[in-house]
Structures are given as C-alpha cells and as structure tokens.
Amino acid sequence: MKTRFFLVLITLFMVSSTFSQVNLNDYKYVIVPNKFDFLKEKNQYQLNALAQFLFRKYGFNALMEGDGYPEDMVLNRCLTLKSDVIKDSGLFKTKLTVELKDCNDRVVYTSEIGESREKEYAKAYNEALREAFKSLETLNYEYQPKKTNVVAVQAVETKAEVSKEIATLKEEIASLKREKQAEVKETKVAVVPVKTVKSEESNVKESVSGGVLYAQVIENGFQLVDSTPKVIYRILKTGLENTFLVENKQAIVYKKGNLWVLEYYANSALKMEELNIKF
C-alpha cells in the first residue's frame, strides 16, 4: 500500500514538473523588477542584477524593468513573465524563493527554497538566491513560440517591410523630383522661363479629380468609390500616419495640408493628382 502511494506521488511530481516546463517554454521574456519588496532600495546588495544574470545563465531572455523593450513584447505582453523573489521567515536562516507570474498575474512557477546561514545580509541574500535558481537549471528552458506568437511576430515583420517599401518609394519620388528640377533649370535657360516654372503646377491641376471619392472600410485599409458606386482605388494602411499604398499600382496616397494627393509615375514622369476623399 505504501509503495503504491509513493509511486502515485512520484508520478504526480513528474507530471507537474513537465507541465511547468511546457508552460515556461511558451514565454519569450522575463522582466526583473528594479526592487524586491523585502528590500529598501533599488538593486540593494546587487540582488536584482544578480537575478537578471542568473535568469540569462539558465537560458532566459531577462530584461530589467524600465529598459527598452522589444517590439513583439510591446505588441503582445503575454509573451512575458514577471519575476519576483520572495523572502520566507527564518530564525537562523535566510530563505528566498523565485516566483514567475504570467500576464494575468497568475503564478506559473515557484522555485525550490534557497537557504543561507550567513549572518551578513549581502552574503546571505547572494547565496540563498543562487541556491533558489538551481531549480531553474533542471527545467532546461527553451522558448518555443505558439502559433499566435508567430502571427504577432509576422505582423511586426510585415509592418517593417511595408515601412521600408514606402521609404524606398518616397526616395525614388524625391530622386525623380530632383532630376525633374534639374531638367526644368536647363529648359528655363533655353526656352521661355514663365512656362517652364508653371509646368509642374499645371500638370497637377490638369490631373485633379473633380468627383468625390467615398472611403469604405476594408481589411487593412479603404476602398475609394465614386457616386455610381464604382471602386476607383483600394488603398492599404502603412506604418506612417495619413499615408497609404495603392493596391496593384506603384503609387501612394497621402495627406498634404487639407488635401489628399495621389503620386505615381507614368512614362517615367512624376504625376500628382489631387483627390477629393470623404472618410
């Protein structure tokens, strides 16, 4: 009977350990607070810095509270565990336990108690904390992203790619503008100055759309329809405020003052079209 009882206990312990490890592997970051509750000052006895060092030693990506956080961590706070060190009461011993909580403030892991008989606080806390962290070593922690986490990371990467594409497109537009301005200067010397100076303004005015376009919400942006209604453009959101990519067209739509402007290339020439958009 006793043998069977101990076998059940061992089995439960193994299942519990495996469950904890799997849960911890779902988390990418650990935040270490600047100050533990049982201490009076930030990083007193260098204990917080030691905790960060020990987390990293055992494979965790540990960040100090208040440091610059990665973008995927900002977008998905549930990638992160909050750490704490708890001091247990002891008459002749210093006892510390490492605790990890998820984004919903639920405890997902508690270490074994680390103990020290040193009388000097600095030495006692240091020794007890190192002892407590030894139980993390047995977890063999390794981050394993969930599908939802992968989607969040891909969203960040897509946003970065879109921003890069917009920056490249704007640089190309600026480069062509400079070339156009150089051509205008050369033409100004050879032909009539007044017509050359007004050419760019007249091009813009000729391309102004007289009709009103109504913005309808679609996934990742808007579709612009006329009064028919007929879809004229589909514009996609970017990482820049009031700047959109035009679907299936090498063009952008952006707000300039109180006007919306469509910029694109036709026959290697920059075209600017003022759009009357109603959101």
C-alpha atoms as a PDB file:
ATOM      1  CA  MET A   1       0.000   0.000   0.000  1.00  0.00           C
ATOM      2  CA  LYS A   2       2.775   2.415   0.956  1.00  0.00           C
ATOM      3  CA  THR A   3       4.703   1.539  -2.200  1.00  0.00           C
ATOM      4  CA  ARG A   4       1.693   2.313  -4.362  1.00  0.00           C
ATOM      5  CA  PHE A   5       1.159   5.610  -2.550  1.00  0.00           C
ATOM      6  CA  PHE A   6       4.772   6.700  -3.188  1.00  0.00           C
ATOM      7  CA  LEU A   7       4.525   5.702  -6.845  1.00  0.00           C
ATOM      8  CA  VAL A   8       1.450   7.924  -7.234  1.00  0.00           C
ATOM      9  CA  LEU A   9       3.275  10.833  -5.588  1.00  0.00           C
ATOM     10  CA  ILE A  10       6.304  10.415  -7.874  1.00  0.00           C
ATOM     11  CA  THR A  11       4.067  10.269 -10.947  1.00  0.00           C
ATOM     12  CA  LEU A  12       2.220  13.432  -9.922  1.00  0.00           C
ATOM     13  CA  PHE A  13       5.520  15.189  -9.298  1.00  0.00           C
ATOM     14  CA  MET A  14       6.841  14.233 -12.764  1.00  0.00           C
ATOM     15  CA  VAL A  15       3.619  15.379 -14.466  1.00  0.00           C
ATOM     16  CA  SER A  16       3.681  18.658 -12.514  1.00  0.00           C
ATOM     17  CA  SER A  17       7.322  19.303 -13.462  1.00  0.00           C
ATOM     18  CA  THR A  18       6.668  18.572 -17.134  1.00  0.00           C
ATOM     19  CA  PHE A  19       3.599  20.825 -17.150  1.00  0.00           C
ATOM     20  CA  SER A  20       5.570  23.701 -15.607  1.00  0.00           C
ATOM     21  CA  GLN A  21       8.360  23.303 -18.127  1.00  0.00           C
ATOM     22  CA  VAL A  22       5.983  23.315 -21.100  1.00  0.00           C
ATOM     23  CA  ASN A  23       4.284  26.429 -19.770  1.00  0.00           C
ATOM     24  CA  LEU A  24       7.578  28.249 -19.264  1.00  0.00           C
ATOM     25  CA  ASN A  25       8.710  27.365 -22.770  1.00  0.00           C
ATOM     26  CA  ASP A  26       5.730  29.348 -24.103  1.00  0.00           C
ATOM     27  CA  TYR A  27       7.205  32.601 -22.774  1.00  0.00           C
ATOM     28  CA  LYS A  28       9.931  34.546 -24.543  1.00  0.00           C
ATOM     29  CA  TYR A  29      10.916  37.184 -21.979  1.00  0.00           C
ATOM     30  CA  VAL A  30      11.311  37.609 -18.218  1.00  0.00           C
ATOM     31  CA  ILE A  31      11.095  41.018 -16.526  1.00  0.00           C
ATOM     32  CA  VAL A  32      13.213  41.517 -13.420  1.00  0.00           C
ATOM     33  CA  PRO A  33      11.955  44.323 -11.112  1.00  0.00           C
ATOM     34  CA  ASN A  34      14.285  47.121 -10.055  1.00  0.00           C
ATOM     35  CA  LYS A  35      13.465  46.442  -6.409  1.00  0.00           C
ATOM     36  CA  PHE A  36      12.265  43.433  -4.436  1.00  0.00           C
ATOM     37  CA  ASP A  37       9.608  44.077  -1.783  1.00  0.00           C
ATOM     38  CA  PHE A  38      11.708  42.836   1.133  1.00  0.00           C
ATOM     39  CA  LEU A  39      14.499  45.322   0.347  1.00  0.00           C
ATOM     40  CA  LYS A  40      14.519  49.062   0.983  1.00  0.00           C
ATOM     41  CA  GLU A  41      16.377  50.274  -2.095  1.00  0.00           C
ATOM     42  CA  LYS A  42      16.552  49.528  -5.807  1.00  0.00           C
ATOM     43  CA  ASN A  43      19.040  46.772  -6.621  1.00  0.00           C
ATOM     44  CA  GLN A  44      20.110  46.654  -2.968  1.00  0.00           C
ATOM     45  CA  TYR A  45      23.056  44.275  -2.425  1.00  0.00           C
ATOM     46  CA  GLN A  46      23.115  43.996  -6.268  1.00  0.00           C
ATOM     47  CA  LEU A  47      20.394  41.356  -5.876  1.00  0.00           C
ATOM     48  CA  ASN A  48      18.249  42.443  -8.837  1.00  0.00           C
ATOM     49  CA  ALA A  49      21.245  42.492 -11.161  1.00  0.00           C
ATOM     50  CA  LEU A  50      22.198  39.030  -9.868  1.00  0.00           C
ATOM     51  CA  ALA A  51      18.693  37.743 -10.607  1.00  0.00           C
ATOM     52  CA  GLN A  52      18.909  39.022 -14.191  1.00  0.00           C
ATOM     53  CA  PHE A  53      22.338  37.379 -14.577  1.00  0.00           C
ATOM     54  CA  LEU A  54      21.068  34.030 -13.245  1.00  0.00           C
ATOM     55  CA  PHE A  55      17.998  34.039 -15.499  1.00  0.00           C
ATOM     56  CA  ARG A  56      20.264  34.582 -18.503  1.00  0.00           C
ATOM     57  CA  LYS A  57      22.627  31.889 -17.254  1.00  0.00           C
ATOM     58  CA  TYR A  58      19.795  29.360 -17.426  1.00  0.00           C
ATOM     59  CA  GLY A  59      18.661  30.393 -20.921  1.00  0.00           C
ATOM     60  CA  PHE A  60      16.010  33.048 -20.247  1.00  0.00           C
ATOM     61  CA  ASN A  61      15.884  36.373 -22.096  1.00  0.00           C
ATOM     62  CA  ALA A  62      15.791  38.533 -18.967  1.00  0.00           C
ATOM     63  CA  LEU A  63      15.197  42.295 -19.127  1.00  0.00           C
ATOM     64  CA  MET A  64      15.425  44.774 -16.278  1.00  0.00           C
ATOM     65  CA  GLU A  65      12.224  46.690 -15.555  1.00  0.00           C
ATOM     66  CA  GLY A  66      12.190  50.022 -17.388  1.00  0.00           C
ATOM     67  CA  ASP A  67      14.750  49.055 -20.030  1.00  0.00           C
ATOM     68  CA  GLY A  68      13.910  49.354 -23.732  1.00  0.00           C
ATOM     69  CA  TYR A  69      11.507  46.532 -24.598  1.00  0.00           C
ATOM     70  CA  PRO A  70      11.428  44.651 -27.965  1.00  0.00           C
ATOM     71  CA  GLU A  71       8.551  45.483 -30.316  1.00  0.00           C
ATOM     72  CA  ASP A  72       6.998  41.997 -30.221  1.00  0.00           C
ATOM     73  CA  MET A  73       6.949  42.201 -26.425  1.00  0.00           C
ATOM     74  CA  VAL A  74       5.182  45.583 -26.557  1.00  0.00           C
ATOM     75  CA  LEU A  75       2.576  44.252 -29.008  1.00  0.00           C
ATOM     76  CA  ASN A  76       1.994  41.045 -27.049  1.00  0.00           C
ATOM     77  CA  ARG A  77       2.536  41.432 -23.302  1.00  0.00           C
ATOM     78  CA  CYS A  78       1.637  37.767 -22.749  1.00  0.00           C
ATOM     79  CA  LEU A  79       4.996  36.761 -24.215  1.00  0.00           C
ATOM     80  CA  THR A  80       6.473  37.942 -20.930  1.00  0.00           C
ATOM     81  CA  LEU A  81       6.781  36.586 -17.409  1.00  0.00           C
ATOM     82  CA  LYS A  82       7.138  38.878 -14.391  1.00  0.00           C
ATOM     83  CA  SER A  83       9.675  37.636 -11.861  1.00  0.00           C
ATOM     84  CA  ASP A  84       9.836  38.217  -8.140  1.00  0.00           C
ATOM     85  CA  VAL A  85      11.919  36.988  -5.209  1.00  0.00           C
ATOM     86  CA  ILE A  86      10.042  36.142  -2.025  1.00  0.00           C
ATOM     87  CA  LYS A  87      11.700  36.123   1.388  1.00  0.00           C
ATOM     88  CA  ASP A  88      10.491  33.445   3.811  1.00  0.00           C
ATOM     89  CA  SER A  89      10.711  33.902   7.540  1.00  0.00           C
ATOM     90  CA  GLY A  90      13.525  32.058   9.266  1.00  0.00           C
ATOM     91  CA  LEU A  91      15.150  32.466  12.653  1.00  0.00           C
ATOM     92  CA  PHE A  92      18.697  31.397  11.814  1.00  0.00           C
ATOM     93  CA  LYS A  93      18.466  31.099   8.033  1.00  0.00           C
ATOM     94  CA  THR A  94      17.858  33.420   5.100  1.00  0.00           C
ATOM     95  CA  LYS A  95      15.304  31.795   2.781  1.00  0.00           C
ATOM     96  CA  LEU A  96      14.491  33.049  -0.735  1.00  0.00           C
ATOM     97  CA  THR A  97      12.154  31.727  -3.432  1.00  0.00           C
ATOM     98  CA  VAL A  98      11.957  32.745  -7.120  1.00  0.00           C
ATOM     99  CA  GLU A  99       8.429  33.259  -8.443  1.00  0.00           C
ATOM    100  CA  LEU A 100       7.202  33.774 -12.026  1.00  0.00           C
ATOM    101  CA  LYS A 101       3.798  35.222 -12.990  1.00  0.00           C
ATOM    102  CA  ASP A 102       2.120  35.467 -16.409  1.00  0.00           C
ATOM    103  CA  CYS A 103       0.412  38.496 -17.977  1.00  0.00           C
ATOM    104  CA  ASN A 104      -2.755  37.762 -15.967  1.00  0.00           C
ATOM    105  CA  ASP A 105      -0.792  37.839 -12.705  1.00  0.00           C
ATOM    106  CA  ARG A 106      -1.109  34.082 -12.204  1.00  0.00           C
ATOM    107  CA  VAL A 107       1.818  32.234 -10.651  1.00  0.00           C
ATOM    108  CA  VAL A 108       3.151  29.744 -13.234  1.00  0.00           C
ATOM    109  CA  TYR A 109       6.339  28.719 -11.468  1.00  0.00           C
ATOM    110  CA  THR A 110       7.802  28.704  -7.972  1.00  0.00           C
ATOM    111  CA  SER A 111      11.371  27.588  -7.352  1.00  0.00           C
ATOM    112  CA  GLU A 112      12.732  25.497  -4.524  1.00  0.00           C
ATOM    113  CA  ILE A 113      13.685  27.489  -1.415  1.00  0.00           C
ATOM    114  CA  GLY A 114      17.265  28.717  -1.408  1.00  0.00           C
ATOM    115  CA  GLU A 115      18.837  28.942   2.041  1.00  0.00           C
ATOM    116  CA  SER A 116      21.875  30.526   3.672  1.00  0.00           C
ATOM    117  CA  ARG A 117      23.195  30.621   7.227  1.00  0.00           C
ATOM    118  CA  GLU A 118      25.431  33.642   6.590  1.00  0.00           C
ATOM    119  CA  LYS A 119      24.827  36.480   9.070  1.00  0.00           C
ATOM    120  CA  GLU A 120      25.858  39.312   6.759  1.00  0.00           C
ATOM    121  CA  TYR A 121      22.895  40.332   4.575  1.00  0.00           C
ATOM    122  CA  ALA A 122      24.828  40.783   1.322  1.00  0.00           C
ATOM    123  CA  LYS A 123      26.391  37.326   1.524  1.00  0.00           C
ATOM    124  CA  ALA A 124      23.233  35.640   2.814  1.00  0.00           C
ATOM    125  CA  TYR A 125      20.955  37.027   0.086  1.00  0.00           C
ATOM    126  CA  ASN A 126      23.515  36.260  -2.619  1.00  0.00           C
ATOM    127  CA  GLU A 127      23.978  32.658  -1.510  1.00  0.00           C
ATOM    128  CA  ALA A 128      20.258  31.993  -0.956  1.00  0.00           C
ATOM    129  CA  LEU A 129      19.306  33.426  -4.360  1.00  0.00           C
ATOM    130  CA  ARG A 130      21.878  31.300  -6.174  1.00  0.00           C
ATOM    131  CA  GLU A 131      20.545  28.213  -4.370  1.00  0.00           C
ATOM    132  CA  ALA A 132      16.956  29.045  -5.347  1.00  0.00           C
ATOM    133  CA  PHE A 133      17.924  29.482  -9.007  1.00  0.00           C
ATOM    134  CA  LYS A 134      19.454  25.998  -9.170  1.00  0.00           C
ATOM    135  CA  SER A 135      15.968  24.513  -9.540  1.00  0.00           C
ATOM    136  CA  LEU A 136      15.532  26.526 -12.776  1.00  0.00           C
ATOM    137  CA  GLU A 137      18.560  24.770 -14.227  1.00  0.00           C
ATOM    138  CA  THR A 138      16.716  21.436 -14.193  1.00  0.00           C
ATOM    139  CA  LEU A 139      13.899  22.856 -16.364  1.00  0.00           C
ATOM    140  CA  ASN A 140      16.134  23.007 -19.475  1.00  0.00           C
ATOM    141  CA  TYR A 141      14.146  26.054 -20.562  1.00  0.00           C
ATOM    142  CA  GLU A 142      13.968  26.821 -24.278  1.00  0.00           C
ATOM    143  CA  TYR A 143      11.486  29.248 -25.835  1.00  0.00           C
ATOM    144  CA  GLN A 144       9.017  27.533 -28.186  1.00  0.00           C
ATOM    145  CA  PRO A 145       6.692  30.067 -29.867  1.00  0.00           C
ATOM    146  CA  LYS A 146       2.989  29.325 -30.152  1.00  0.00           C
ATOM    147  CA  LYS A 147       1.158  29.884 -33.433  1.00  0.00           C
ATOM    148  CA  THR A 148      -0.428  33.057 -32.032  1.00  0.00           C
ATOM    149  CA  ASN A 149       3.035  34.360 -31.094  1.00  0.00           C
ATOM    150  CA  VAL A 150       4.344  33.586 -34.582  1.00  0.00           C
ATOM    151  CA  VAL A 151       1.467  35.572 -36.090  1.00  0.00           C
ATOM    152  CA  ALA A 152       2.313  38.566 -33.878  1.00  0.00           C
ATOM    153  CA  VAL A 153       5.981  38.426 -34.927  1.00  0.00           C
ATOM    154  CA  GLN A 154       4.993  38.144 -38.600  1.00  0.00           C
ATOM    155  CA  ALA A 155       2.753  41.203 -38.190  1.00  0.00           C
ATOM    156  CA  VAL A 156       5.718  43.181 -36.843  1.00  0.00           C
ATOM    157  CA  GLU A 157       7.921  41.999 -39.727  1.00  0.00           C
ATOM    158  CA  THR A 158       5.211  42.842 -42.305  1.00  0.00           C
ATOM    159  CA  LYS A 159       4.848  46.335 -40.838  1.00  0.00           C
ATOM    160  CA  ALA A 160       8.616  46.820 -41.080  1.00  0.00           C
ATOM    161  CA  GLU A 161       8.632  45.611 -44.702  1.00  0.00           C
ATOM    162  CA  VAL A 162       5.781  47.978 -45.642  1.00  0.00           C
ATOM    163  CA  SER A 163       7.549  50.905 -43.972  1.00  0.00           C
ATOM    164  CA  LYS A 164      10.748  50.022 -45.843  1.00  0.00           C
ATOM    165  CA  GLU A 165       8.871  49.812 -49.150  1.00  0.00           C
ATOM    166  CA  ILE A 166       7.265  53.214 -48.541  1.00  0.00           C
ATOM    167  CA  ALA A 167      10.627  54.740 -47.647  1.00  0.00           C
ATOM    168  CA  THR A 168      12.146  53.328 -50.852  1.00  0.00           C
ATOM    169  CA  LEU A 169       9.243  54.601 -52.944  1.00  0.00           C
ATOM    170  CA  LYS A 170       9.483  58.064 -51.402  1.00  0.00           C
ATOM    171  CA  GLU A 171      13.219  58.140 -52.049  1.00  0.00           C
ATOM    172  CA  GLU A 172      12.588  57.247 -55.693  1.00  0.00           C
ATOM    173  CA  ILE A 173       9.979  60.019 -55.917  1.00  0.00           C
ATOM    174  CA  ALA A 174      12.390  62.517 -54.338  1.00  0.00           C
ATOM    175  CA  SER A 175      15.166  61.426 -56.735  1.00  0.00           C
ATOM    176  CA  LEU A 176      12.926  61.893 -59.766  1.00  0.00           C
ATOM    177  CA  LYS A 177      11.829  65.278 -58.422  1.00  0.00           C
ATOM    178  CA  ARG A 178      15.462  66.363 -58.236  1.00  0.00           C
ATOM    179  CA  GLU A 179      16.056  65.159 -61.799  1.00  0.00           C
ATOM    180  CA  LYS A 180      12.912  66.948 -62.937  1.00  0.00           C
ATOM    181  CA  GLN A 181      14.028  70.158 -61.247  1.00  0.00           C
ATOM    182  CA  ALA A 182      17.413  69.881 -62.977  1.00  0.00           C
ATOM    183  CA  GLU A 183      15.657  69.460 -66.338  1.00  0.00           C
ATOM    184  CA  VAL A 184      13.441  72.461 -65.566  1.00  0.00           C
ATOM    185  CA  LYS A 185      16.500  74.623 -64.867  1.00  0.00           C
ATOM    186  CA  GLU A 186      18.124  73.600 -68.156  1.00  0.00           C
ATOM    187  CA  THR A 187      14.893  74.243 -70.067  1.00  0.00           C
ATOM    188  CA  LYS A 188      14.494  77.598 -68.346  1.00  0.00           C
ATOM    189  CA  VAL A 189      17.726  78.809 -69.945  1.00  0.00           C
ATOM    190  CA  ALA A 190      16.868  77.569 -73.439  1.00  0.00           C
ATOM    191  CA  VAL A 191      13.120  78.274 -73.630  1.00  0.00           C
ATOM    192  CA  VAL A 192      10.599  80.637 -72.035  1.00  0.00           C
ATOM    193  CA  PRO A 193      11.096  80.866 -68.230  1.00  0.00           C
ATOM    194  CA  VAL A 194       7.459  81.531 -67.304  1.00  0.00           C
ATOM    195  CA  LYS A 195       6.050  78.432 -68.998  1.00  0.00           C
ATOM    196  CA  THR A 196       8.736  76.185 -67.519  1.00  0.00           C
ATOM    197  CA  VAL A 197       8.122  77.375 -63.950  1.00  0.00           C
ATOM    198  CA  LYS A 198       4.366  76.877 -64.256  1.00  0.00           C
ATOM    199  CA  SER A 199       4.573  73.468 -65.952  1.00  0.00           C
ATOM    200  CA  GLU A 200       4.594  71.384 -62.757  1.00  0.00           C
ATOM    201  CA  GLU A 201       1.667  73.318 -61.249  1.00  0.00           C
ATOM    202  CA  SER A 202      -0.369  72.957 -64.454  1.00  0.00           C
ATOM    203  CA  ASN A 203       0.306  69.194 -64.522  1.00  0.00           C
ATOM    204  CA  VAL A 204      -1.084  68.909 -61.021  1.00  0.00           C
ATOM    205  CA  LYS A 205      -4.178  70.981 -61.810  1.00  0.00           C
ATOM    206  CA  GLU A 206      -4.925  69.046 -65.005  1.00  0.00           C
ATOM    207  CA  SER A 207      -4.845  65.773 -63.087  1.00  0.00           C
ATOM    208  CA  VAL A 208      -7.170  66.979 -60.312  1.00  0.00           C
ATOM    209  CA  SER A 209     -10.167  64.690 -59.968  1.00  0.00           C
ATOM    210  CA  GLY A 210     -13.411  66.650 -59.957  1.00  0.00           C
ATOM    211  CA  GLY A 211     -15.534  63.838 -58.485  1.00  0.00           C
ATOM    212  CA  VAL A 212     -15.904  62.953 -54.837  1.00  0.00           C
ATOM    213  CA  LEU A 213     -14.489  59.593 -53.722  1.00  0.00           C
ATOM    214  CA  TYR A 214     -16.061  57.944 -50.710  1.00  0.00           C
ATOM    215  CA  ALA A 215     -13.860  55.855 -48.396  1.00  0.00           C
ATOM    216  CA  GLN A 216     -15.281  52.489 -47.349  1.00  0.00           C
ATOM    217  CA  VAL A 217     -13.511  50.388 -44.734  1.00  0.00           C
ATOM    218  CA  ILE A 218     -11.924  47.130 -45.948  1.00  0.00           C
ATOM    219  CA  GLU A 219      -9.368  44.832 -44.368  1.00  0.00           C
ATOM    220  CA  ASN A 220      -6.105  46.746 -43.833  1.00  0.00           C
ATOM    221  CA  GLY A 221      -7.385  49.937 -45.426  1.00  0.00           C
ATOM    222  CA  PHE A 222     -10.148  51.516 -47.519  1.00  0.00           C
ATOM    223  CA  GLN A 223     -11.711  51.283 -50.945  1.00  0.00           C
ATOM    224  CA  LEU A 224     -12.470  54.581 -52.678  1.00  0.00           C
ATOM    225  CA  VAL A 225     -15.717  54.581 -54.672  1.00  0.00           C
ATOM    226  CA  ASP A 226     -17.452  57.206 -56.770  1.00  0.00           C
ATOM    227  CA  SER A 227     -21.185  58.005 -56.724  1.00  0.00           C
ATOM    228  CA  THR A 228     -22.011  55.121 -59.103  1.00  0.00           C
ATOM    229  CA  PRO A 229     -20.717  53.413 -56.855  1.00  0.00           C
ATOM    230  CA  LYS A 230     -17.642  52.094 -58.625  1.00  0.00           C
ATOM    231  CA  VAL A 231     -14.372  51.152 -56.898  1.00  0.00           C
ATOM    232  CA  ILE A 232     -11.711  53.544 -58.163  1.00  0.00           C
ATOM    233  CA  TYR A 233      -8.804  52.682 -55.824  1.00  0.00           C
ATOM    234  CA  ARG A 234      -8.052  50.353 -52.958  1.00  0.00           C
ATOM    235  CA  ILE A 235      -5.603  51.908 -50.512  1.00  0.00           C
ATOM    236  CA  LEU A 236      -3.753  49.976 -47.794  1.00  0.00           C
ATOM    237  CA  LYS A 237      -2.617  51.249 -44.405  1.00  0.00           C
ATOM    238  CA  THR A 238       1.098  51.739 -43.685  1.00  0.00           C
ATOM    239  CA  GLY A 239       3.132  52.464 -40.583  1.00  0.00           C
ATOM    240  CA  LEU A 240       3.028  56.195 -41.459  1.00  0.00           C
ATOM    241  CA  GLU A 241       0.144  58.434 -40.485  1.00  0.00           C
ATOM    242  CA  ASN A 242      -2.159  59.506 -43.353  1.00  0.00           C
ATOM    243  CA  THR A 243      -0.067  57.571 -45.910  1.00  0.00           C
ATOM    244  CA  PHE A 244      -1.435  54.651 -47.941  1.00  0.00           C
ATOM    245  CA  LEU A 245      -0.167  52.263 -50.626  1.00  0.00           C
ATOM    246  CA  VAL A 246      -2.390  51.971 -53.713  1.00  0.00           C
ATOM    247  CA  GLU A 247      -3.207  48.334 -54.402  1.00  0.00           C
ATOM    248  CA  ASN A 248      -1.910  46.977 -57.758  1.00  0.00           C
ATOM    249  CA  LYS A 249      -0.330  50.333 -58.613  1.00  0.00           C
ATOM    250  CA  GLN A 250       3.104  51.840 -57.987  1.00  0.00           C
ATOM    251  CA  ALA A 251       1.613  54.808 -56.190  1.00  0.00           C
ATOM    252  CA  ILE A 252       0.911  56.288 -52.799  1.00  0.00           C
ATOM    253  CA  VAL A 253      -1.902  58.413 -51.387  1.00  0.00           C
ATOM    254  CA  TYR A 254      -1.003  60.851 -48.632  1.00  0.00           C
ATOM    255  CA  LYS A 255      -2.416  63.924 -46.930  1.00  0.00           C
ATOM    256  CA  LYS A 256      -0.749  67.256 -47.651  1.00  0.00           C
ATOM    257  CA  GLY A 257      -2.249  70.034 -45.543  1.00  0.00           C
ATOM    258  CA  ASN A 258      -6.008  69.684 -46.024  1.00  0.00           C
ATOM    259  CA  LEU A 259      -5.676  67.896 -49.373  1.00  0.00           C
ATOM    260  CA  TRP A 260      -5.266  64.253 -50.331  1.00  0.00           C
ATOM    261  CA  VAL A 261      -2.678  63.664 -53.066  1.00  0.00           C
ATOM    262  CA  LEU A 262      -2.065  60.660 -55.315  1.00  0.00           C
ATOM    263  CA  GLU A 263       1.554  60.349 -56.524  1.00  0.00           C
ATOM    264  CA  TYR A 264       2.614  57.886 -59.206  1.00  0.00           C
ATOM    265  CA  TYR A 265       4.791  57.524 -62.294  1.00  0.00           C
ATOM    266  CA  ALA A 266       3.631  57.489 -65.901  1.00  0.00           C
ATOM    267  CA  ASN A 267       6.162  57.220 -68.732  1.00  0.00           C
ATOM    268  CA  SER A 268       8.980  57.916 -66.233  1.00  0.00           C
ATOM    269  CA  ALA A 269       7.331  61.198 -65.264  1.00  0.00           C
ATOM    270  CA  LEU A 270       6.055  62.017 -61.798  1.00  0.00           C
ATOM    271  CA  LYS A 271       2.325  62.642 -61.689  1.00  0.00           C
ATOM    272  CA  MET A 272       0.425  64.258 -58.831  1.00  0.00           C
ATOM    273  CA  GLU A 273      -3.335  64.037 -58.587  1.00  0.00           C
ATOM    274  CA  GLU A 274      -5.448  65.799 -56.010  1.00  0.00           C
ATOM    275  CA  LEU A 275      -8.217  63.531 -54.694  1.00  0.00           C
ATOM    276  CA  ASN A 276     -11.443  64.681 -53.068  1.00  0.00           C
ATOM    277  CA  ILE A 277     -11.879  61.908 -50.469  1.00  0.00           C
ATOM    278  CA  LYS A 278     -14.714  61.762 -47.957  1.00  0.00           C
ATOM    279  CA  PHE A 279     -13.997  59.458 -44.964  1.00  0.00           C
END
